[in-house]
């Protein structure tokens, strides 16, 4: 609820600090005293447009700070603050401050953390519900009527929402499966052709590198064939260098014992024979490895080129072709198994839809019954509020299937007819001013709404009425305040003012060329005097004071 409002340099208000409590608080004062300024100031912290005309003349800027306290922060507020990355400690009040510069521009803060005006607007419905002469929010807005009716009816929305989510999930899975099968069917002929090409080649992972290596070796063999043949002739035969070395070694072996140097020469010659033998073996091995087989080279090149061409066609690496082939086979298999899968998913979606329809129909029946009770409850409130010729109707309609959702298949709107025989129409179309506020009061009392805004404000709900009607308004405001927690009423009616638990007097005073608006919390004596003024006018008479006492005593 709203616990404190601090205003600095707003129009006629220089500095003002107001404390508020639970229950019904009333604000009174003469016409033109500045009651609308208070509402304009409060509107700033709720995200209203920052008009530079609100800044007090001669001042560079104005500010408004509002403090709200909650036993537990409402989920809607906590979620909005979390989305905006703003932190509030548990049990800490919510403090909103708005500054407006005289030369244009404004800033907003939530618990001293910078905030956007859009965030203030998002928080506003959970903080303050204002019903006034030009109200187009709250109960007047048909977008919230179904939720209000459900709260009144106790509709089992949890089951309805779960079944809607289950149906939506089943339909999404079915649609995804259908798309997959349809896409596979569209690609079936092309898949078969591509798979035939791949199957004919049967690519193997790593095959490209192996073929490329073989091809390179054979191409080298083709290039070196002549040189190897010449070397073969050099090393083969009885007159080859190796044969000559062996002959020399045998001859040297016979005379080596004759001198140490000959023995050393023999050892060196033996090493040369061994090295030459190893060289001969290497040449023979190289000749075998580099054998040039034109047919084998052509086969390797042909397969390598076919694999690379197929990889380019499918825009992948050659080594990815085996996996691509397996994927294509799986996609073709899915076409065959897709029908059976679709049948199962269609059955699941149908079952989920029937479950949702059952829950939605139960919600519809609950709403129909609750609408009749609500219409009767509102009708009982209209006559005492001088709206006895008016009629109230909760209109429930069936939505087309494409508009169904987690709230069911229904739409709901509160309608009124102000004159006998007149057609029903939306609240704000045929009711205006205090009449609209009285309709809203009747509806609020009938709903005994819980979970709405923390603070409710009625602006001049008693406009144009008096006597018993004003007393009825005061009684209902007091009852509503006891249900809702905190309600503030700007009023010109002494009968309404007498029901307030807290009474604020708004006054305007001039000193030379300076005019200021002040607000004071009245004590018992002050309340008697103000209500007497409201009864008698400019001159407060003893009779007016006596009547004020009777009104206060009757509370």
Protein backbone atom coordinates (compact mmCIF):
# COMPACT_ATOMS: atom_id res chain seq x y z
CA UNK A 1 0.00 0.00 0.00
CA UNK A 2 0.97 3.66 -0.34
CA UNK A 3 2.60 4.76 2.92
CA UNK A 4 4.19 8.10 2.06
CA UNK A 5 4.02 10.73 -0.68
CA UNK A 6 6.60 13.53 -0.87
CA UNK A 7 6.12 16.35 -3.37
CA UNK A 8 8.55 19.16 -4.20
CA UNK A 9 7.79 22.13 -6.47
CA UNK A 10 4.77 20.70 -8.28
CA UNK A 11 2.58 23.60 -9.51
CA UNK A 12 1.25 25.25 -6.32
CA UNK A 13 2.90 22.77 -3.94
CA UNK A 14 6.29 23.92 -2.68
CA UNK A 15 7.01 21.09 -0.25
CA UNK A 16 4.63 18.45 1.03
CA UNK A 17 5.07 15.16 2.91
CA UNK A 18 2.02 12.98 3.49
CA UNK A 19 1.77 9.72 5.43
CA UNK A 20 -0.99 7.23 4.65
CA UNK A 21 -2.34 4.19 6.49
CA UNK A 22 -4.63 1.25 5.81
CA UNK A 23 -8.37 1.72 5.57
CA UNK A 24 -10.34 4.60 4.06
CA UNK A 25 -8.63 7.96 3.74
CA UNK A 26 -10.56 11.00 2.47
CA UNK A 27 -9.26 14.19 0.90
CA UNK A 28 -11.45 17.28 0.99
CA UNK A 29 -11.13 20.96 0.24
CA UNK A 30 -12.75 23.77 -1.64
CA UNK A 31 -13.00 23.63 -5.43
CA UNK A 32 -9.71 24.75 -6.96
CA UNK A 33 -7.70 24.06 -3.81
CA UNK A 34 -5.40 21.66 -5.63
CA UNK A 35 -6.79 18.15 -5.27
CA UNK A 36 -6.03 17.43 -8.92
CA UNK A 37 -2.41 18.48 -8.33
CA UNK A 38 -2.01 15.64 -5.86
CA UNK A 39 -3.32 13.15 -8.40
CA UNK A 40 -1.07 14.60 -11.11
CA UNK A 41 1.92 14.28 -8.79
CA UNK A 42 1.06 10.68 -7.99
CA UNK A 43 0.62 10.05 -11.71
CA UNK A 44 4.27 10.96 -12.28
CA UNK A 45 5.54 8.07 -10.18
CA UNK A 46 3.10 5.79 -12.01
CA UNK A 47 4.64 6.62 -15.39
CA UNK A 48 2.42 9.45 -16.65
CA UNK A 49 3.90 11.88 -19.16
CA UNK A 50 6.17 14.47 -17.52
CA UNK A 51 4.73 17.86 -18.48
CA UNK A 52 7.06 20.81 -17.84
CA UNK A 53 3.96 22.80 -16.82
CA UNK A 54 3.91 20.76 -13.60
CA UNK A 55 7.16 22.38 -12.41
CA UNK A 56 6.49 25.23 -9.98
CA UNK A 57 7.13 28.65 -11.51
CA UNK A 58 10.67 29.87 -10.97
CA UNK A 59 12.03 26.44 -9.95
CA UNK A 60 14.54 24.47 -12.07
CA UNK A 61 12.99 21.08 -11.35
CA UNK A 62 10.27 19.22 -9.46
CA UNK A 63 10.18 15.79 -7.84
CA UNK A 64 7.71 13.29 -6.45
CA UNK A 65 8.59 10.32 -4.24
CA UNK A 66 6.13 7.59 -3.31
CA UNK A 67 6.77 4.76 -0.85
CA UNK A 68 4.85 1.48 -1.00
CA UNK A 69 5.04 -1.29 1.58
CA UNK A 70 3.96 -4.92 1.18
CA UNK A 71 3.80 -7.93 3.47
CA UNK A 72 5.25 -9.79 0.47
CA UNK A 73 6.18 -8.21 -2.84
CA UNK A 74 3.49 -9.11 -5.45
CA UNK A 75 4.67 -11.54 -8.13
CA UNK A 76 3.93 -9.09 -10.94
CA UNK A 77 6.13 -6.42 -9.33
CA UNK A 78 8.90 -8.87 -8.43
CA UNK A 79 8.96 -10.26 -11.98
CA UNK A 80 9.07 -6.80 -13.59
CA UNK A 81 11.90 -5.67 -11.30
CA UNK A 82 13.82 -8.88 -11.98
CA UNK A 83 13.48 -8.41 -15.74
CA UNK A 84 14.85 -4.87 -15.32
CA UNK A 85 17.78 -6.15 -13.19
CA UNK A 86 16.67 -4.09 -10.19
CA UNK A 87 17.13 -5.53 -6.72
CA UNK A 88 15.05 -4.89 -3.59
CA UNK A 89 15.87 -6.53 -0.29
CA UNK A 90 13.10 -8.63 1.32
CA UNK A 91 10.92 -6.46 3.54
CA UNK A 92 12.32 -3.25 2.05
CA UNK A 93 9.71 -0.69 0.90
CA UNK A 94 9.35 0.07 -2.81
CA UNK A 95 10.36 3.72 -3.26
CA UNK A 96 9.70 5.36 -6.62
CA UNK A 97 11.10 8.83 -7.34
CA UNK A 98 10.47 10.93 -10.44
CA UNK A 99 12.21 14.20 -11.31
CA UNK A 100 10.99 16.67 -13.93
CA UNK A 101 13.12 19.51 -15.27
CA UNK A 102 11.60 22.88 -16.13
CA UNK A 103 13.46 22.90 -19.45
CA UNK A 104 12.27 19.39 -20.36
CA UNK A 105 13.22 15.83 -19.60
CA UNK A 106 12.68 13.59 -16.60
CA UNK A 107 14.41 10.85 -14.63
CA UNK A 108 13.01 7.96 -12.65
CA UNK A 109 14.48 5.91 -9.82
CA UNK A 110 13.36 2.82 -7.94
CA UNK A 111 15.06 2.51 -4.56
CA UNK A 112 17.74 4.92 -5.85
CA UNK A 113 18.41 2.74 -8.91
CA UNK A 114 17.80 4.35 -12.34
CA UNK A 115 14.64 3.04 -13.97
CA UNK A 116 12.73 3.63 -17.19
CA UNK A 117 9.34 5.34 -17.34
CA UNK A 118 8.12 2.23 -19.20
CA UNK A 119 8.92 0.19 -16.09
CA UNK A 120 6.91 2.61 -13.93
CA UNK A 121 3.93 2.13 -16.25
CA UNK A 122 4.36 -1.64 -15.99
CA UNK A 123 4.33 -1.49 -12.19
CA UNK A 124 1.46 1.01 -11.94
CA UNK A 125 -1.51 -1.44 -12.22
CA UNK A 126 -0.25 -3.39 -9.19
CA UNK A 127 0.39 -0.21 -7.16
CA UNK A 128 -2.52 2.18 -7.67
CA UNK A 129 -5.94 1.75 -9.25
CA UNK A 130 -7.40 5.16 -10.04
CA UNK A 131 -11.09 5.67 -10.84
CA UNK A 132 -11.93 9.18 -11.87
CA UNK A 133 -13.66 11.38 -14.39
CA UNK A 134 -11.66 10.11 -17.35
CA UNK A 135 -10.72 6.63 -16.23
CA UNK A 136 -9.95 4.24 -19.09
CA UNK A 137 -8.07 1.61 -17.13
CA UNK A 138 -8.82 -0.86 -14.35
CA UNK A 139 -12.37 -2.17 -14.38
CA UNK A 140 -13.27 -0.12 -17.44
CA UNK A 141 -10.77 -1.95 -19.62
CA UNK A 142 -12.45 -5.12 -21.01
CA UNK A 143 -9.10 -6.89 -21.33
CA UNK A 144 -9.17 -7.55 -17.60
CA UNK A 145 -12.81 -8.52 -17.26
CA UNK A 146 -12.33 -12.26 -17.82
CA UNK A 147 -9.65 -12.44 -15.10
CA UNK A 148 -11.96 -10.56 -12.68
CA UNK A 149 -14.83 -12.92 -13.44
CA UNK A 150 -12.58 -15.96 -12.94
CA UNK A 151 -11.45 -14.61 -9.59
CA UNK A 152 -15.09 -14.12 -8.60
CA UNK A 153 -16.07 -17.58 -9.89
CA UNK A 154 -13.06 -19.43 -8.49
CA UNK A 155 -12.44 -20.92 -11.94
CA UNK A 156 -9.97 -23.83 -12.00
CA UNK A 157 -7.48 -22.03 -14.22
CA UNK A 158 -4.53 -24.19 -13.16
CA UNK A 159 -6.02 -27.32 -14.76
CA UNK A 160 -7.11 -25.36 -17.81
CA UNK A 161 -3.62 -23.90 -18.29
CA UNK A 162 -1.92 -27.29 -17.90
CA UNK A 163 -4.21 -28.90 -20.45
CA UNK A 164 -3.73 -26.02 -22.87
CA UNK A 165 0.05 -26.41 -22.54
CA UNK A 166 -0.21 -30.18 -23.12
CA UNK A 167 -2.37 -29.72 -26.20
CA UNK A 168 -0.11 -27.01 -27.61
CA UNK A 169 2.94 -29.25 -27.09
CA UNK A 170 1.22 -32.24 -28.76
CA UNK A 171 0.18 -30.11 -31.74
CA UNK A 172 3.71 -28.73 -32.07
CA UNK A 173 5.19 -32.24 -32.09
CA UNK A 174 2.63 -33.37 -34.66
CA UNK A 175 3.31 -30.37 -36.90
CA UNK A 176 7.06 -30.97 -36.68
CA UNK A 177 6.65 -34.63 -37.62
CA UNK A 178 4.35 -33.76 -40.52
CA UNK A 179 6.83 -31.22 -41.84
CA UNK A 180 9.63 -33.76 -41.62
CA UNK A 181 7.67 -36.43 -43.49
CA UNK A 182 6.44 -33.99 -46.13
CA UNK A 183 9.96 -32.70 -46.68
CA UNK A 184 11.24 -36.25 -46.94
CA UNK A 185 8.54 -37.14 -49.44
CA UNK A 186 9.36 -34.10 -51.53
CA UNK A 187 13.03 -35.11 -51.52
CA UNK A 188 12.43 -38.85 -51.95
CA UNK A 189 13.24 -39.14 -55.68
CA UNK A 190 16.30 -36.98 -55.33
CA UNK A 191 17.41 -38.93 -52.26
CA UNK A 192 17.09 -42.22 -54.15
CA UNK A 193 19.19 -40.86 -57.05
CA UNK A 194 21.86 -39.47 -54.76
CA UNK A 195 21.97 -42.64 -52.69
CA UNK A 196 22.36 -44.73 -55.85
CA UNK A 197 25.43 -42.69 -56.81
CA UNK A 198 26.93 -43.07 -53.38
CA UNK A 199 26.11 -46.77 -53.14
CA UNK A 200 27.76 -47.39 -56.52
CA UNK A 201 31.01 -45.88 -55.21
CA UNK A 202 30.69 -47.10 -51.58
CA UNK A 203 33.12 -44.46 -50.27
CA UNK A 204 35.24 -45.36 -47.25
CA UNK A 205 36.59 -42.95 -44.66
CA UNK A 206 40.30 -42.23 -45.28
CA UNK A 207 40.12 -43.50 -48.85
CA UNK A 208 40.99 -40.16 -50.43
CA UNK A 209 44.35 -39.91 -48.65
CA UNK A 210 45.22 -43.52 -49.50
CA UNK A 211 44.35 -43.13 -53.20
CA UNK A 212 46.19 -39.83 -53.43
CA UNK A 213 49.31 -41.46 -51.95
CA UNK A 214 49.17 -44.40 -54.35
CA UNK A 215 48.66 -42.08 -57.29
CA UNK A 216 51.63 -39.93 -56.28
CA UNK A 217 53.91 -42.98 -55.92
CA UNK A 218 52.92 -44.36 -59.32
CA UNK A 219 53.41 -40.98 -60.96
CA UNK A 220 56.93 -40.85 -59.48
CA UNK A 221 57.62 -44.38 -60.75
CA UNK A 222 56.59 -43.30 -64.25
CA UNK A 223 59.00 -40.37 -64.08
CA UNK A 224 61.94 -42.40 -62.65
CA UNK A 225 61.47 -45.53 -64.76
CA UNK A 226 64.32 -44.69 -67.21
CA UNK A 227 66.82 -43.78 -64.50
CA UNK A 228 66.07 -46.94 -62.53
CA UNK A 229 66.50 -49.09 -65.63
CA UNK A 230 69.95 -47.57 -66.28
CA UNK A 231 70.98 -48.18 -62.66
CA UNK A 232 69.75 -51.79 -62.88
CA UNK A 233 72.10 -52.41 -65.82
CA UNK A 234 74.98 -50.84 -63.89
CA UNK A 235 74.53 -53.09 -60.84
CA UNK A 236 73.67 -56.31 -62.66
CA UNK A 237 76.15 -58.70 -64.40
CA UNK A 238 79.71 -59.99 -63.82
CA UNK A 239 81.26 -56.68 -64.72
CA UNK A 240 79.20 -54.63 -62.25
CA UNK A 241 81.01 -52.49 -59.63
CA UNK A 242 79.86 -54.81 -56.86
CA UNK A 243 81.24 -57.90 -58.66
CA UNK A 244 84.57 -56.10 -59.20
CA UNK A 245 84.78 -55.19 -55.51
CA UNK A 246 84.15 -58.81 -54.51
CA UNK A 247 86.92 -60.05 -56.87
CA UNK A 248 89.34 -57.47 -55.45
CA UNK A 249 88.42 -58.48 -51.91
CA UNK A 250 89.18 -62.17 -52.62
CA UNK A 251 92.57 -61.36 -54.11
CA UNK A 252 93.48 -59.02 -51.27
CA UNK A 253 92.43 -61.62 -48.76
CA UNK A 254 95.26 -63.94 -49.95
CA UNK A 255 98.03 -61.38 -49.39
CA UNK A 256 96.64 -59.39 -46.43
CA UNK A 257 98.60 -61.35 -43.80
CA UNK A 258 101.84 -60.14 -45.30
CA UNK A 259 101.53 -56.60 -43.98
CA UNK A 260 99.26 -54.74 -41.50
CA UNK A 261 98.32 -52.08 -44.03
CA UNK A 262 97.05 -54.75 -46.38
CA UNK A 263 94.84 -56.08 -43.59
CA UNK A 264 93.42 -52.61 -43.02
CA UNK A 265 92.83 -52.21 -46.76
CA UNK A 266 90.98 -55.56 -46.78
CA UNK A 267 88.75 -54.43 -43.90
CA UNK A 268 87.88 -51.22 -45.74
CA UNK A 269 87.17 -53.17 -48.92
CA UNK A 270 84.90 -55.56 -47.01
CA UNK A 271 82.93 -52.59 -45.69
CA UNK A 272 82.59 -51.23 -49.21
CA UNK A 273 81.23 -54.59 -50.42
CA UNK A 274 78.67 -54.59 -47.59
CA UNK A 275 77.57 -50.99 -48.27
CA UNK A 276 77.38 -51.66 -52.01
CA UNK A 277 75.22 -54.73 -51.32
CA UNK A 278 72.86 -52.72 -49.18
CA UNK A 279 72.64 -50.05 -51.89
CA UNK A 280 71.75 -52.76 -54.41
CA UNK A 281 68.98 -54.05 -52.15
CA UNK A 282 67.54 -50.51 -51.66
CA UNK A 283 67.54 -49.92 -55.41
CA UNK A 284 65.70 -53.19 -55.99
CA UNK A 285 63.11 -52.32 -53.29
CA UNK A 286 62.63 -48.81 -54.71
CA UNK A 287 62.18 -50.26 -58.18
CA UNK A 288 59.49 -52.60 -56.87
CA UNK A 289 57.70 -49.76 -54.95
CA UNK A 290 57.79 -47.44 -57.90
CA UNK A 291 56.61 -49.95 -60.46
CA UNK A 292 54.56 -47.99 -62.97
CA UNK A 293 51.35 -49.84 -63.84
CA UNK A 294 49.40 -47.59 -66.26
CA UNK A 295 46.14 -49.47 -65.61
CA UNK A 296 46.46 -49.23 -61.82
CA UNK A 297 47.32 -45.52 -62.08
CA UNK A 298 44.32 -44.89 -64.31
CA UNK A 299 42.00 -46.80 -61.93
CA UNK A 300 43.26 -44.87 -58.89
CA UNK A 301 42.93 -41.53 -60.65
CA UNK A 302 39.43 -42.36 -61.93
CA UNK A 303 38.12 -43.34 -58.46
CA UNK A 304 39.81 -40.36 -56.79
CA UNK A 305 38.27 -37.92 -59.26
CA UNK A 306 34.82 -39.53 -58.93
CA UNK A 307 34.92 -39.27 -55.14
CA UNK A 308 36.02 -35.63 -55.25
CA UNK A 309 33.36 -34.74 -57.83
CA UNK A 310 30.66 -36.31 -55.65
CA UNK A 311 31.95 -34.42 -52.59
CA UNK A 312 31.78 -31.12 -54.52
CA UNK A 313 28.25 -31.97 -55.63
CA UNK A 314 27.13 -32.44 -52.01
CA UNK A 315 29.32 -29.60 -50.71
CA UNK A 316 31.22 -31.70 -48.22
CA UNK A 317 34.60 -33.31 -47.70
CA UNK A 318 35.32 -36.69 -49.34
CA UNK A 319 35.67 -38.31 -45.91
CA UNK A 320 32.14 -37.09 -45.05
CA UNK A 321 30.55 -39.05 -47.91
CA UNK A 322 30.07 -42.31 -45.91
CA UNK A 323 28.19 -40.41 -43.17
CA UNK A 324 26.14 -38.61 -45.82
CA UNK A 325 25.19 -41.95 -47.31
CA UNK A 326 24.07 -43.27 -43.92
CA UNK A 327 22.03 -40.10 -43.34
CA UNK A 328 20.27 -40.45 -46.68
CA UNK A 329 19.39 -44.05 -45.89
CA UNK A 330 17.97 -42.95 -42.52
CA UNK A 331 15.88 -40.23 -44.16
CA UNK A 332 14.45 -42.71 -46.64
CA UNK A 333 13.71 -45.11 -43.81
CA UNK A 334 11.90 -42.31 -41.94
CA UNK A 335 9.51 -41.93 -44.85
CA UNK A 336 8.42 -45.53 -44.42
CA UNK A 337 8.14 -45.24 -40.61
CA UNK A 338 6.72 -41.73 -40.69
CA UNK A 339 3.13 -42.77 -41.28
CA UNK A 340 3.06 -44.92 -38.15
CA UNK A 341 4.64 -42.14 -36.11
CA UNK A 342 2.13 -39.61 -37.45
CA UNK A 343 -0.77 -41.86 -36.48
CA UNK A 344 0.51 -42.04 -32.89
CA UNK A 345 1.10 -38.27 -32.67
CA UNK A 346 -2.30 -37.50 -34.16
CA UNK A 347 -3.94 -39.73 -31.55
CA UNK A 348 -1.99 -37.98 -28.75
CA UNK A 349 -2.94 -34.54 -30.06
CA UNK A 350 -6.60 -35.52 -30.31
CA UNK A 351 -6.56 -36.84 -26.75
CA UNK A 352 -4.92 -33.64 -25.48
CA UNK A 353 -7.46 -31.52 -27.35
CA UNK A 354 -10.38 -33.42 -25.83
CA UNK A 355 -8.91 -32.98 -22.35
CA UNK A 356 -8.53 -29.24 -22.97
CA UNK A 357 -12.08 -28.95 -24.31
CA UNK A 358 -13.39 -30.69 -21.20
CA UNK A 359 -11.56 -28.25 -18.91
CA UNK A 360 -12.55 -25.25 -21.05
CA UNK A 361 -16.19 -26.31 -21.02
CA UNK A 362 -16.06 -26.66 -17.22
CA UNK A 363 -14.60 -23.15 -17.01
CA UNK A 364 -17.33 -21.89 -19.34
CA UNK A 365 -20.06 -23.36 -17.14
CA UNK A 366 -18.46 -21.88 -14.02
CA UNK A 367 -18.30 -18.48 -15.69
CA UNK A 368 -21.93 -18.60 -16.79
CA UNK A 369 -23.06 -19.35 -13.25
CA UNK A 370 -20.73 -16.75 -11.74
CA UNK A 371 -21.88 -14.12 -14.26
CA UNK A 372 -25.48 -14.53 -13.10
CA UNK A 373 -24.42 -14.17 -9.45
CA UNK A 374 -22.31 -11.14 -10.26
CA UNK A 375 -25.08 -9.46 -12.26
CA UNK A 376 -27.43 -9.93 -9.32
CA UNK A 377 -24.86 -8.65 -6.80
CA UNK A 378 -24.16 -5.53 -8.86
CA UNK A 379 -27.89 -4.93 -9.37
CA UNK A 380 -28.36 -4.94 -5.60
CA UNK A 381 -25.76 -2.16 -5.31
CA UNK A 382 -27.14 0.11 -8.06
CA UNK A 383 -30.34 1.39 -6.47
CA UNK A 384 -28.72 2.75 -3.28
CA UNK A 385 -26.20 4.54 -5.51
CA UNK A 386 -29.00 6.34 -7.42
CA UNK A 387 -28.54 4.08 -10.43
CA UNK A 388 -31.84 2.22 -9.99
CA UNK A 389 -32.78 2.62 -13.66
CA UNK A 390 -29.52 1.09 -14.80
CA UNK A 391 -28.90 -2.55 -15.63
CA UNK A 392 -25.65 -4.49 -15.51
CA UNK A 393 -24.70 -7.51 -17.64
CA UNK A 394 -21.66 -9.74 -17.73
CA UNK A 395 -21.52 -10.75 -21.38
CA UNK A 396 -19.74 -14.05 -22.08
CA UNK A 397 -18.94 -15.00 -25.64
CA UNK A 398 -17.35 -18.00 -27.34
CA UNK A 399 -14.08 -17.26 -29.12
CA UNK A 400 -13.19 -18.76 -32.52
CA UNK A 401 -10.75 -21.66 -32.22
CA UNK A 402 -7.77 -19.63 -33.40
CA UNK A 403 -8.31 -17.35 -30.38
CA UNK A 404 -8.45 -20.13 -27.78
CA UNK A 405 -5.72 -20.09 -25.18
CA UNK A 406 -4.67 -20.83 -21.62
CA UNK A 407 -7.74 -18.92 -20.36
CA UNK A 408 -10.12 -21.09 -22.34
CA UNK A 409 -12.57 -20.44 -25.15
CA UNK A 410 -14.46 -17.49 -23.62
CA UNK A 411 -14.43 -13.73 -23.77
CA UNK A 412 -16.03 -11.61 -21.07
CA UNK A 413 -17.03 -7.96 -20.88
CA UNK A 414 -18.98 -5.91 -18.36
CA UNK A 415 -21.82 -3.98 -20.01
CA UNK A 416 -24.39 -1.50 -18.74
CA UNK A 417 -27.62 0.10 -19.87
CA UNK A 418 -28.39 3.35 -18.05
CA UNK A 419 -32.00 3.77 -19.19
CA UNK A 420 -34.96 1.36 -19.45
CA UNK A 421 -35.14 -0.20 -22.89
CA UNK A 422 -31.65 1.00 -23.86
CA UNK A 423 -29.16 -1.42 -25.36
CA UNK A 424 -26.22 -2.68 -23.30
CA UNK A 425 -22.86 -1.07 -24.08
CA UNK A 426 -19.35 -0.91 -22.56
CA UNK A 427 -19.01 0.99 -19.28
CA UNK A 428 -17.08 3.95 -20.65
CA UNK A 429 -19.33 4.38 -23.69
CA UNK A 430 -22.56 5.35 -21.97
CA UNK A 431 -21.56 6.30 -18.43
CA UNK A 432 -19.56 9.38 -17.56
CA UNK A 433 -18.19 11.30 -14.61
CA UNK A 434 -19.49 10.38 -11.17
CA UNK A 435 -21.96 7.95 -12.71
CA UNK A 436 -19.11 5.84 -14.09
CA UNK A 437 -17.33 5.94 -10.73
CA UNK A 438 -20.49 4.75 -8.96
CA UNK A 439 -20.84 1.86 -11.42
CA UNK A 440 -17.24 0.90 -10.71
CA UNK A 441 -17.84 1.16 -6.96
CA UNK A 442 -20.85 -1.13 -7.26
CA UNK A 443 -18.83 -3.60 -9.28
CA UNK A 444 -15.87 -3.45 -6.89
CA UNK A 445 -18.12 -4.10 -3.89
CA UNK A 446 -19.87 -6.99 -5.68
CA UNK A 447 -16.58 -8.55 -6.72
CA UNK A 448 -14.96 -8.07 -3.30
CA UNK A 449 -11.83 -8.29 -5.44
CA UNK A 450 -8.60 -9.65 -4.04
CA UNK A 451 -5.18 -9.39 -5.55
CA UNK A 452 -5.70 -6.12 -7.38
CA UNK A 453 -3.81 -2.86 -6.89
CA UNK A 454 -2.28 -2.12 -3.50
CA UNK A 455 -4.11 1.22 -3.34
CA UNK A 456 -7.46 2.25 -4.83
CA UNK A 457 -8.31 5.91 -5.42
CA UNK A 458 -11.78 7.26 -6.24
CA UNK A 459 -11.81 10.82 -7.55
CA UNK A 460 -15.09 12.65 -6.80
CA UNK A 461 -17.22 9.53 -6.93
CA UNK A 462 -20.00 11.52 -5.21
CA UNK A 463 -20.23 14.18 -7.91
CA UNK A 464 -23.83 15.27 -8.42
CA UNK A 465 -25.36 13.27 -5.55
CA UNK A 466 -26.07 13.89 -1.90
CA UNK A 467 -28.18 12.76 1.06
CA UNK A 468 -28.92 9.06 1.22
CA UNK A 469 -26.97 8.33 -1.97
CA UNK A 470 -23.85 9.99 -0.58
CA UNK A 471 -24.29 8.00 2.63
CA UNK A 472 -24.58 4.81 0.60
CA UNK A 473 -21.38 5.68 -1.26
CA UNK A 474 -19.56 6.34 1.99
CA UNK A 475 -20.77 3.06 3.45
CA UNK A 476 -19.60 1.09 0.41
CA UNK A 477 -16.26 2.85 0.30
CA UNK A 478 -15.69 1.92 3.95
CA UNK A 479 -16.67 -1.69 3.28
CA UNK A 480 -14.44 -1.85 0.24
CA UNK A 481 -11.52 -0.36 2.18
CA UNK A 482 -11.89 -3.05 4.86
CA UNK A 483 -11.64 -5.71 2.11
CA UNK A 484 -8.96 -4.15 -0.05
CA UNK A 485 -6.69 -2.72 2.63
CA UNK A 486 -6.27 0.88 1.47
CA UNK A 487 -8.66 3.20 -0.33
CA UNK A 488 -8.38 6.96 -0.85
CA UNK A 489 -11.35 9.10 -1.89
CA UNK A 490 -11.31 12.68 -3.13
CA UNK A 491 -14.76 13.91 -2.11
CA UNK A 492 -17.05 16.92 -1.77
CA UNK A 493 -19.60 14.96 0.25
CA UNK A 494 -19.70 15.35 4.06
CA UNK A 495 -21.39 11.93 4.31
CA UNK A 496 -18.42 10.31 2.52
CA UNK A 497 -15.85 12.38 4.42
CA UNK A 498 -17.32 11.30 7.76
CA UNK A 499 -16.56 7.62 6.93
CA UNK A 500 -12.85 8.21 6.53
CA UNK A 501 -10.38 6.76 8.99
CA UNK A 502 -7.93 9.50 8.01
CA UNK A 503 -9.05 12.92 6.80
CA UNK A 504 -6.76 15.22 4.78
CA UNK A 505 -7.63 18.86 4.15
CA UNK A 506 -6.34 20.42 0.94
CA UNK A 507 -6.17 24.22 1.11
CA UNK A 508 -4.83 27.02 -1.07
CA UNK A 509 -3.47 30.26 0.41
CA UNK A 510 -2.06 33.41 -1.21
CA UNK A 511 0.57 35.77 0.16
CA UNK A 512 1.14 38.71 -2.16
CA UNK A 513 1.77 37.22 -5.60
CA UNK A 514 2.64 33.76 -4.28
CA UNK A 515 -0.03 31.05 -4.04
CA UNK A 516 0.63 27.72 -2.33
CA UNK A 517 -1.33 24.54 -1.78
CA UNK A 518 -1.00 22.71 1.51
CA UNK A 519 -2.36 19.42 2.84
CA UNK A 520 -2.82 18.64 6.53
CA UNK A 521 -4.03 15.57 8.39
CA UNK A 522 -6.98 16.67 10.51
CA UNK A 523 -7.52 15.75 14.12
CA UNK A 524 -10.99 15.17 15.59
CA UNK A 525 -11.68 18.90 16.05
CA UNK A 526 -10.40 19.69 12.58
CA UNK A 527 -12.58 16.99 11.06
CA UNK A 528 -15.67 18.41 12.77
CA UNK A 529 -14.88 21.88 11.44
CA UNK A 530 -14.19 20.71 7.88
CA UNK A 531 -17.32 18.55 7.65
CA UNK A 532 -19.34 21.45 9.07
CA UNK A 533 -17.90 23.69 6.34
CA UNK A 534 -18.85 21.12 3.72
CA UNK A 535 -22.40 21.13 5.13
CA UNK A 536 -22.94 24.88 5.49
CA UNK A 537 -20.64 26.54 2.98
CA UNK A 538 -18.51 29.61 3.61
CA UNK A 539 -19.92 30.39 7.07
CA UNK A 540 -19.76 27.52 9.54
CA UNK A 541 -22.81 27.61 11.83
CA UNK A 542 -23.43 25.86 15.15
CA UNK A 543 -26.12 23.83 13.43
CA UNK A 544 -23.56 22.67 10.85
CA UNK A 545 -21.15 21.63 13.62
CA UNK A 546 -23.94 19.71 15.36
CA UNK A 547 -24.80 17.96 12.11
CA UNK A 548 -21.12 17.16 11.57
CA UNK A 549 -20.99 15.59 15.03
CA UNK A 550 -24.02 13.45 14.19
CA UNK A 551 -22.38 12.26 10.97
CA UNK A 552 -19.15 11.40 12.78
CA UNK A 553 -20.99 9.67 15.61
CA UNK A 554 -22.99 7.61 13.14
CA UNK A 555 -19.89 6.05 11.66
